[in-house]
Amino acid sequence: MSEESESVSVSVPEVRGVTPDRLLHAGGNDQPSAEDLVLASGRDVTPESLEWARRRLSEEGRSALDKRLP
């Protein structure tokens, strides 16, 4: 048996205009911000979308973000 690590790093090209997956995932212990929720939902950050996100977070808590992430 080899003592070498079996994990392999693969470089994936990023598509322009698409948020990379690594930026969308939030840790399980943090509190998402309204901006996090807006971005996860694919909306533009505007005063209206931030207000929408604040309402969702106050009603649903962290699950509001979890519902929108892969």
PDB file of N, CA and C in Angstrom:
ATOM      1  N   MET A   1       0.827  -1.186   0.000  1.00  0.00           N
ATOM      2  CA  MET A   1       0.000   0.000   0.000  1.00  0.00           C
ATOM      3  C   MET A   1       0.868   1.246   0.000  1.00  0.00           C
ATOM      4  N   SER A   2       0.472   2.216  -0.720  1.00  0.00           N
ATOM      5  CA  SER A   2       1.212   3.459  -0.811  1.00  0.00           C
ATOM      6  C   SER A   2       0.791   4.404   0.312  1.00  0.00           C
ATOM      7  N   GLU A   3       1.733   5.211   0.784  1.00  0.00           N
ATOM      8  CA  GLU A   3       1.424   6.196   1.814  1.00  0.00           C
ATOM      9  C   GLU A   3       1.049   7.540   1.224  1.00  0.00           C
ATOM     10  N   GLU A   4       0.993   7.621  -0.087  1.00  0.00           N
ATOM     11  CA  GLU A   4       0.637   8.872  -0.745  1.00  0.00           C
ATOM     12  C   GLU A   4      -0.845   9.144  -0.605  1.00  0.00           C
ATOM     13  N   SER A   5      -1.175  10.416  -0.530  1.00  0.00           N
ATOM     14  CA  SER A   5      -2.574  10.820  -0.434  1.00  0.00           C
ATOM     15  C   SER A   5      -3.286  10.487  -1.733  1.00  0.00           C
ATOM     16  N   GLU A   6      -4.530  10.046  -1.603  1.00  0.00           N
ATOM     17  CA  GLU A   6      -5.306   9.715  -2.788  1.00  0.00           C
ATOM     18  C   GLU A   6      -6.110  10.897  -3.310  1.00  0.00           C
ATOM     19  N   SER A   7      -6.125  12.006  -2.563  1.00  0.00           N
ATOM     20  CA  SER A   7      -6.893  13.154  -3.033  1.00  0.00           C
ATOM     21  C   SER A   7      -6.186  13.809  -4.210  1.00  0.00           C
ATOM     22  N   VAL A   8      -6.974  14.277  -5.131  1.00  0.00           N
ATOM     23  CA  VAL A   8      -6.440  14.891  -6.340  1.00  0.00           C
ATOM     24  C   VAL A   8      -7.072  16.258  -6.492  1.00  0.00           C
ATOM     25  N   SER A   9      -6.246  17.264  -6.724  1.00  0.00           N
ATOM     26  CA  SER A   9      -6.769  18.601  -6.988  1.00  0.00           C
ATOM     27  C   SER A   9      -6.965  18.756  -8.480  1.00  0.00           C
ATOM     28  N   VAL A  10      -8.150  19.181  -8.846  1.00  0.00           N
ATOM     29  CA  VAL A  10      -8.457  19.391 -10.253  1.00  0.00           C
ATOM     30  C   VAL A  10      -8.836  20.838 -10.422  1.00  0.00           C
ATOM     31  N   SER A  11      -8.227  21.489 -11.370  1.00  0.00           N
ATOM     32  CA  SER A  11      -8.550  22.879 -11.649  1.00  0.00           C
ATOM     33  C   SER A  11      -9.747  22.913 -12.594  1.00  0.00           C
ATOM     34  N   VAL A  12     -10.789  23.612 -12.177  1.00  0.00           N
ATOM     35  CA  VAL A  12     -11.987  23.732 -12.996  1.00  0.00           C
ATOM     36  C   VAL A  12     -12.064  25.160 -13.511  1.00  0.00           C
ATOM     37  N   PRO A  13     -12.170  25.329 -14.814  1.00  0.00           N
ATOM     38  CA  PRO A  13     -12.253  26.691 -15.352  1.00  0.00           C
ATOM     39  C   PRO A  13     -13.535  27.367 -14.892  1.00  0.00           C
ATOM     40  N   GLU A  14     -13.428  28.640 -14.570  1.00  0.00           N
ATOM     41  CA  GLU A  14     -14.593  29.395 -14.128  1.00  0.00           C
ATOM     42  C   GLU A  14     -15.279  30.036 -15.339  1.00  0.00           C
ATOM     43  N   VAL A  15     -16.589  30.016 -15.322  1.00  0.00           N
ATOM     44  CA  VAL A  15     -17.383  30.588 -16.399  1.00  0.00           C
ATOM     45  C   VAL A  15     -17.657  32.042 -16.056  1.00  0.00           C
ATOM     46  N   ARG A  16     -17.469  32.924 -16.999  1.00  0.00           N
ATOM     47  CA  ARG A  16     -17.724  34.353 -16.754  1.00  0.00           C
ATOM     48  C   ARG A  16     -19.191  34.598 -16.487  1.00  0.00           C
ATOM     49  N   GLY A  17     -19.451  35.449 -15.480  1.00  0.00           N
ATOM     50  CA  GLY A  17     -20.817  35.805 -15.165  1.00  0.00           C
ATOM     51  C   GLY A  17     -21.502  34.841 -14.213  1.00  0.00           C
ATOM     52  N   VAL A  18     -20.825  33.767 -13.849  1.00  0.00           N
ATOM     53  CA  VAL A  18     -21.398  32.786 -12.936  1.00  0.00           C
ATOM     54  C   VAL A  18     -20.570  32.789 -11.656  1.00  0.00           C
ATOM     55  N   THR A  19     -21.242  32.868 -10.509  1.00  0.00           N
ATOM     56  CA  THR A  19     -20.529  32.847  -9.235  1.00  0.00           C
ATOM     57  C   THR A  19     -19.977  31.447  -9.010  1.00  0.00           C
ATOM     58  N   PRO A  20     -18.669  31.338  -8.759  1.00  0.00           N
ATOM     59  CA  PRO A  20     -18.081  30.010  -8.529  1.00  0.00           C
ATOM     60  C   PRO A  20     -18.721  29.339  -7.312  1.00  0.00           C
ATOM     61  N   ASP A  21     -18.920  28.055  -7.406  1.00  0.00           N
ATOM     62  CA  ASP A  21     -19.553  27.288  -6.344  1.00  0.00           C
ATOM     63  C   ASP A  21     -18.852  27.479  -5.005  1.00  0.00           C
ATOM     64  N   ARG A  22     -17.527  27.578  -5.020  1.00  0.00           N
ATOM     65  CA  ARG A  22     -16.775  27.706  -3.763  1.00  0.00           C
ATOM     66  C   ARG A  22     -17.126  28.995  -3.015  1.00  0.00           C
ATOM     67  N   LEU A  23     -17.681  29.987  -3.699  1.00  0.00           N
ATOM     68  CA  LEU A  23     -18.064  31.240  -3.048  1.00  0.00           C
ATOM     69  C   LEU A  23     -19.501  31.208  -2.522  1.00  0.00           C
ATOM     70  N   LEU A  24     -20.280  30.238  -2.948  1.00  0.00           N
ATOM     71  CA  LEU A  24     -21.676  30.185  -2.535  1.00  0.00           C
ATOM     72  C   LEU A  24     -21.900  29.419  -1.242  1.00  0.00           C
ATOM     73  N   HIS A  25     -20.989  28.533  -0.908  1.00  0.00           N
ATOM     74  CA  HIS A  25     -21.188  27.720   0.285  1.00  0.00           C
ATOM     75  C   HIS A  25     -20.809  28.481   1.537  1.00  0.00           C
ATOM     76  N   ALA A  26     -21.701  28.478   2.488  1.00  0.00           N
ATOM     77  CA  ALA A  26     -21.441  29.107   3.783  1.00  0.00           C
ATOM     78  C   ALA A  26     -21.261  28.007   4.820  1.00  0.00           C
ATOM     79  N   GLY A  27     -20.483  28.283   5.835  1.00  0.00           N
ATOM     80  CA  GLY A  27     -20.267  27.301   6.891  1.00  0.00           C
ATOM     81  C   GLY A  27     -21.526  27.064   7.692  1.00  0.00           C
ATOM     82  N   GLY A  28     -21.619  25.931   8.332  1.00  0.00           N
ATOM     83  CA  GLY A  28     -22.797  25.565   9.085  1.00  0.00           C
ATOM     84  C   GLY A  28     -22.986  26.346  10.367  1.00  0.00           C
ATOM     85  N   ASN A  29     -21.947  26.982  10.869  1.00  0.00           N
ATOM     86  CA  ASN A  29     -22.043  27.666  12.151  1.00  0.00           C
ATOM     87  C   ASN A  29     -22.194  29.176  12.029  1.00  0.00           C
ATOM     88  N   ASP A  30     -22.120  29.698  10.835  1.00  0.00           N
ATOM     89  CA  ASP A  30     -22.195  31.149  10.690  1.00  0.00           C
ATOM     90  C   ASP A  30     -23.624  31.604  10.434  1.00  0.00           C
ATOM     91  N   GLN A  31     -23.867  32.870  10.668  1.00  0.00           N
ATOM     92  CA  GLN A  31     -25.161  33.459  10.360  1.00  0.00           C
ATOM     93  C   GLN A  31     -25.067  34.147   9.005  1.00  0.00           C
ATOM     94  N   PRO A  32     -25.860  33.728   8.036  1.00  0.00           N
ATOM     95  CA  PRO A  32     -25.801  34.365   6.718  1.00  0.00           C
ATOM     96  C   PRO A  32     -26.326  35.797   6.789  1.00  0.00           C
ATOM     97  N   SER A  33     -25.765  36.640   5.966  1.00  0.00           N
ATOM     98  CA  SER A  33     -26.227  38.024   5.900  1.00  0.00           C
ATOM     99  C   SER A  33     -27.304  38.129   4.822  1.00  0.00           C
ATOM    100  N   ALA A  34     -27.983  39.255   4.813  1.00  0.00           N
ATOM    101  CA  ALA A  34     -28.980  39.501   3.777  1.00  0.00           C
ATOM    102  C   ALA A  34     -28.319  39.472   2.395  1.00  0.00           C
ATOM    103  N   GLU A  35     -27.113  40.006   2.299  1.00  0.00           N
ATOM    104  CA  GLU A  35     -26.402  39.993   1.022  1.00  0.00           C
ATOM    105  C   GLU A  35     -26.098  38.560   0.585  1.00  0.00           C
ATOM    106  N   ASP A  36     -25.719  37.687   1.521  1.00  0.00           N
ATOM    107  CA  ASP A  36     -25.483  36.276   1.190  1.00  0.00           C
ATOM    108  C   ASP A  36     -26.729  35.663   0.546  1.00  0.00           C
ATOM    109  N   LEU A  37     -27.883  35.929   1.150  1.00  0.00           N
ATOM    110  CA  LEU A  37     -29.126  35.357   0.647  1.00  0.00           C
ATOM    111  C   LEU A  37     -29.485  35.917  -0.724  1.00  0.00           C
ATOM    112  N   VAL A  38     -29.301  37.206  -0.910  1.00  0.00           N
ATOM    113  CA  VAL A  38     -29.584  37.821  -2.212  1.00  0.00           C
ATOM    114  C   VAL A  38     -28.713  37.177  -3.286  1.00  0.00           C
ATOM    115  N   LEU A  39     -27.425  37.059  -3.021  1.00  0.00           N
ATOM    116  CA  LEU A  39     -26.511  36.483  -4.007  1.00  0.00           C
ATOM    117  C   LEU A  39     -26.822  35.009  -4.266  1.00  0.00           C
ATOM    118  N   ALA A  40     -27.154  34.263  -3.222  1.00  0.00           N
ATOM    119  CA  ALA A  40     -27.483  32.849  -3.389  1.00  0.00           C
ATOM    120  C   ALA A  40     -28.749  32.650  -4.210  1.00  0.00           C
ATOM    121  N   SER A  41     -29.647  33.630  -4.169  1.00  0.00           N
ATOM    122  CA  SER A  41     -30.891  33.524  -4.923  1.00  0.00           C
ATOM    123  C   SER A  41     -30.739  33.996  -6.368  1.00  0.00           C
ATOM    124  N   GLY A  42     -29.557  34.511  -6.704  1.00  0.00           N
ATOM    125  CA  GLY A  42     -29.303  34.946  -8.077  1.00  0.00           C
ATOM    126  C   GLY A  42     -29.814  36.337  -8.394  1.00  0.00           C
ATOM    127  N   ARG A  43     -30.183  37.080  -7.370  1.00  0.00           N
ATOM    128  CA  ARG A  43     -30.689  38.451  -7.574  1.00  0.00           C
ATOM    129  C   ARG A  43     -29.555  39.460  -7.492  1.00  0.00           C
ATOM    130  N   ASP A  44     -29.822  40.647  -8.013  1.00  0.00           N
ATOM    131  CA  ASP A  44     -28.894  41.762  -7.852  1.00  0.00           C
ATOM    132  C   ASP A  44     -29.060  42.333  -6.453  1.00  0.00           C
ATOM    133  N   VAL A  45     -27.971  42.836  -5.900  1.00  0.00           N
ATOM    134  CA  VAL A  45     -28.026  43.459  -4.575  1.00  0.00           C
ATOM    135  C   VAL A  45     -28.570  44.878  -4.741  1.00  0.00           C
ATOM    136  N   THR A  46     -29.804  45.056  -4.321  1.00  0.00           N
ATOM    137  CA  THR A  46     -30.470  46.363  -4.364  1.00  0.00           C
ATOM    138  C   THR A  46     -31.123  46.571  -3.000  1.00  0.00           C
ATOM    139  N   PRO A  47     -31.526  47.780  -2.690  1.00  0.00           N
ATOM    140  CA  PRO A  47     -32.232  47.987  -1.411  1.00  0.00           C
ATOM    141  C   PRO A  47     -33.467  47.089  -1.284  1.00  0.00           C
ATOM    142  N   GLU A  48     -34.189  46.891  -2.379  1.00  0.00           N
ATOM    143  CA  GLU A  48     -35.387  46.060  -2.340  1.00  0.00           C
ATOM    144  C   GLU A  48     -35.055  44.592  -2.098  1.00  0.00           C
ATOM    145  N   SER A  49     -34.025  44.095  -2.795  1.00  0.00           N
ATOM    146  CA  SER A  49     -33.673  42.679  -2.619  1.00  0.00           C
ATOM    147  C   SER A  49     -33.081  42.434  -1.231  1.00  0.00           C
ATOM    148  N   LEU A  50     -32.366  43.408  -0.687  1.00  0.00           N
ATOM    149  CA  LEU A  50     -31.833  43.266   0.670  1.00  0.00           C
ATOM    150  C   LEU A  50     -32.965  43.237   1.695  1.00  0.00           C
ATOM    151  N   GLU A  51     -33.996  44.049   1.481  1.00  0.00           N
ATOM    152  CA  GLU A  51     -35.151  44.034   2.385  1.00  0.00           C
ATOM    153  C   GLU A  51     -35.873  42.694   2.298  1.00  0.00           C
ATOM    154  N   TRP A  52     -36.032  42.183   1.077  1.00  0.00           N
ATOM    155  CA  TRP A  52     -36.626  40.859   0.882  1.00  0.00           C
ATOM    156  C   TRP A  52     -35.837  39.813   1.668  1.00  0.00           C
ATOM    157  N   ALA A  53     -34.509  39.862   1.544  1.00  0.00           N
ATOM    158  CA  ALA A  53     -33.649  38.883   2.212  1.00  0.00           C
ATOM    159  C   ALA A  53     -33.734  39.015   3.732  1.00  0.00           C
ATOM    160  N   ARG A  54     -33.799  40.229   4.229  1.00  0.00           N
ATOM    161  CA  ARG A  54     -33.929  40.426   5.681  1.00  0.00           C
ATOM    162  C   ARG A  54     -35.225  39.798   6.198  1.00  0.00           C
ATOM    163  N   ARG A  55     -36.306  39.978   5.447  1.00  0.00           N
ATOM    164  CA  ARG A  55     -37.584  39.369   5.846  1.00  0.00           C
ATOM    165  C   ARG A  55     -37.493  37.845   5.841  1.00  0.00           C
ATOM    166  N   ARG A  56     -36.901  37.287   4.773  1.00  0.00           N
ATOM    167  CA  ARG A  56     -36.759  35.825   4.680  1.00  0.00           C
ATOM    168  C   ARG A  56     -35.932  35.299   5.851  1.00  0.00           C
ATOM    169  N   LEU A  57     -34.819  35.972   6.149  1.00  0.00           N
ATOM    170  CA  LEU A  57     -33.955  35.513   7.237  1.00  0.00           C
ATOM    171  C   LEU A  57     -34.656  35.613   8.587  1.00  0.00           C
ATOM    172  N   SER A  58     -35.451  36.647   8.782  1.00  0.00           N
ATOM    173  CA  SER A  58     -36.146  36.780  10.063  1.00  0.00           C
ATOM    174  C   SER A  58     -37.242  35.730  10.199  1.00  0.00           C
ATOM    175  N   GLU A  59     -37.867  35.338   9.080  1.00  0.00           N
ATOM    176  CA  GLU A  59     -38.937  34.339   9.111  1.00  0.00           C
ATOM    177  C   GLU A  59     -38.411  32.904   9.113  1.00  0.00           C
ATOM    178  N   GLU A  60     -37.373  32.652   8.315  1.00  0.00           N
ATOM    179  CA  GLU A  60     -36.913  31.280   8.092  1.00  0.00           C
ATOM    180  C   GLU A  60     -35.566  30.967   8.742  1.00  0.00           C
ATOM    181  N   GLY A  61     -34.847  31.993   9.162  1.00  0.00           N
ATOM    182  CA  GLY A  61     -33.515  31.766   9.721  1.00  0.00           C
ATOM    183  C   GLY A  61     -32.555  31.242   8.662  1.00  0.00           C
ATOM    184  N   ARG A  62     -31.579  30.481   9.094  1.00  0.00           N
ATOM    185  CA  ARG A  62     -30.547  29.965   8.196  1.00  0.00           C
ATOM    186  C   ARG A  62     -31.117  29.106   7.072  1.00  0.00           C
ATOM    187  N   SER A  63     -32.259  28.471   7.303  1.00  0.00           N
ATOM    188  CA  SER A  63     -32.823  27.607   6.264  1.00  0.00           C
ATOM    189  C   SER A  63     -33.182  28.389   5.003  1.00  0.00           C
ATOM    190  N   ALA A  64     -33.385  29.703   5.126  1.00  0.00           N
ATOM    191  CA  ALA A  64     -33.649  30.524   3.941  1.00  0.00           C
ATOM    192  C   ALA A  64     -32.486  30.432   2.957  1.00  0.00           C
ATOM    193  N   LEU A  65     -31.269  30.414   3.478  1.00  0.00           N
ATOM    194  CA  LEU A  65     -30.089  30.281   2.619  1.00  0.00           C
ATOM    195  C   LEU A  65     -29.888  28.836   2.186  1.00  0.00           C
ATOM    196  N   ASP A  66     -30.068  27.907   3.107  1.00  0.00           N
ATOM    197  CA  ASP A  66     -29.869  26.480   2.783  1.00  0.00           C
ATOM    198  C   ASP A  66     -30.778  26.024   1.662  1.00  0.00           C
ATOM    199  N   LYS A  67     -31.970  26.568   1.569  1.00  0.00           N
ATOM    200  CA  LYS A  67     -32.919  26.196   0.507  1.00  0.00           C
ATOM    201  C   LYS A  67     -32.434  26.610  -0.873  1.00  0.00           C
ATOM    202  N   ARG A  68     -31.567  27.607  -0.924  1.00  0.00           N
ATOM    203  CA  ARG A  68     -31.158  28.161  -2.206  1.00  0.00           C
ATOM    204  C   ARG A  68     -29.773  27.725  -2.659  1.00  0.00           C
ATOM    205  N   LEU A  69     -29.066  26.994  -1.826  1.00  0.00           N
ATOM    206  CA  LEU A  69     -27.729  26.536  -2.181  1.00  0.00           C
ATOM    207  C   LEU A  69     -27.750  25.070  -2.557  1.00  0.00           C
ATOM    208  N   PRO A  70     -26.850  24.681  -3.463  1.00  0.00           N
ATOM    209  CA  PRO A  70     -26.793  23.273  -3.866  1.00  0.00           C
ATOM    210  C   PRO A  70     -26.366  22.378  -2.718  1.00  0.00           C
TER     211      PRO A  70
END
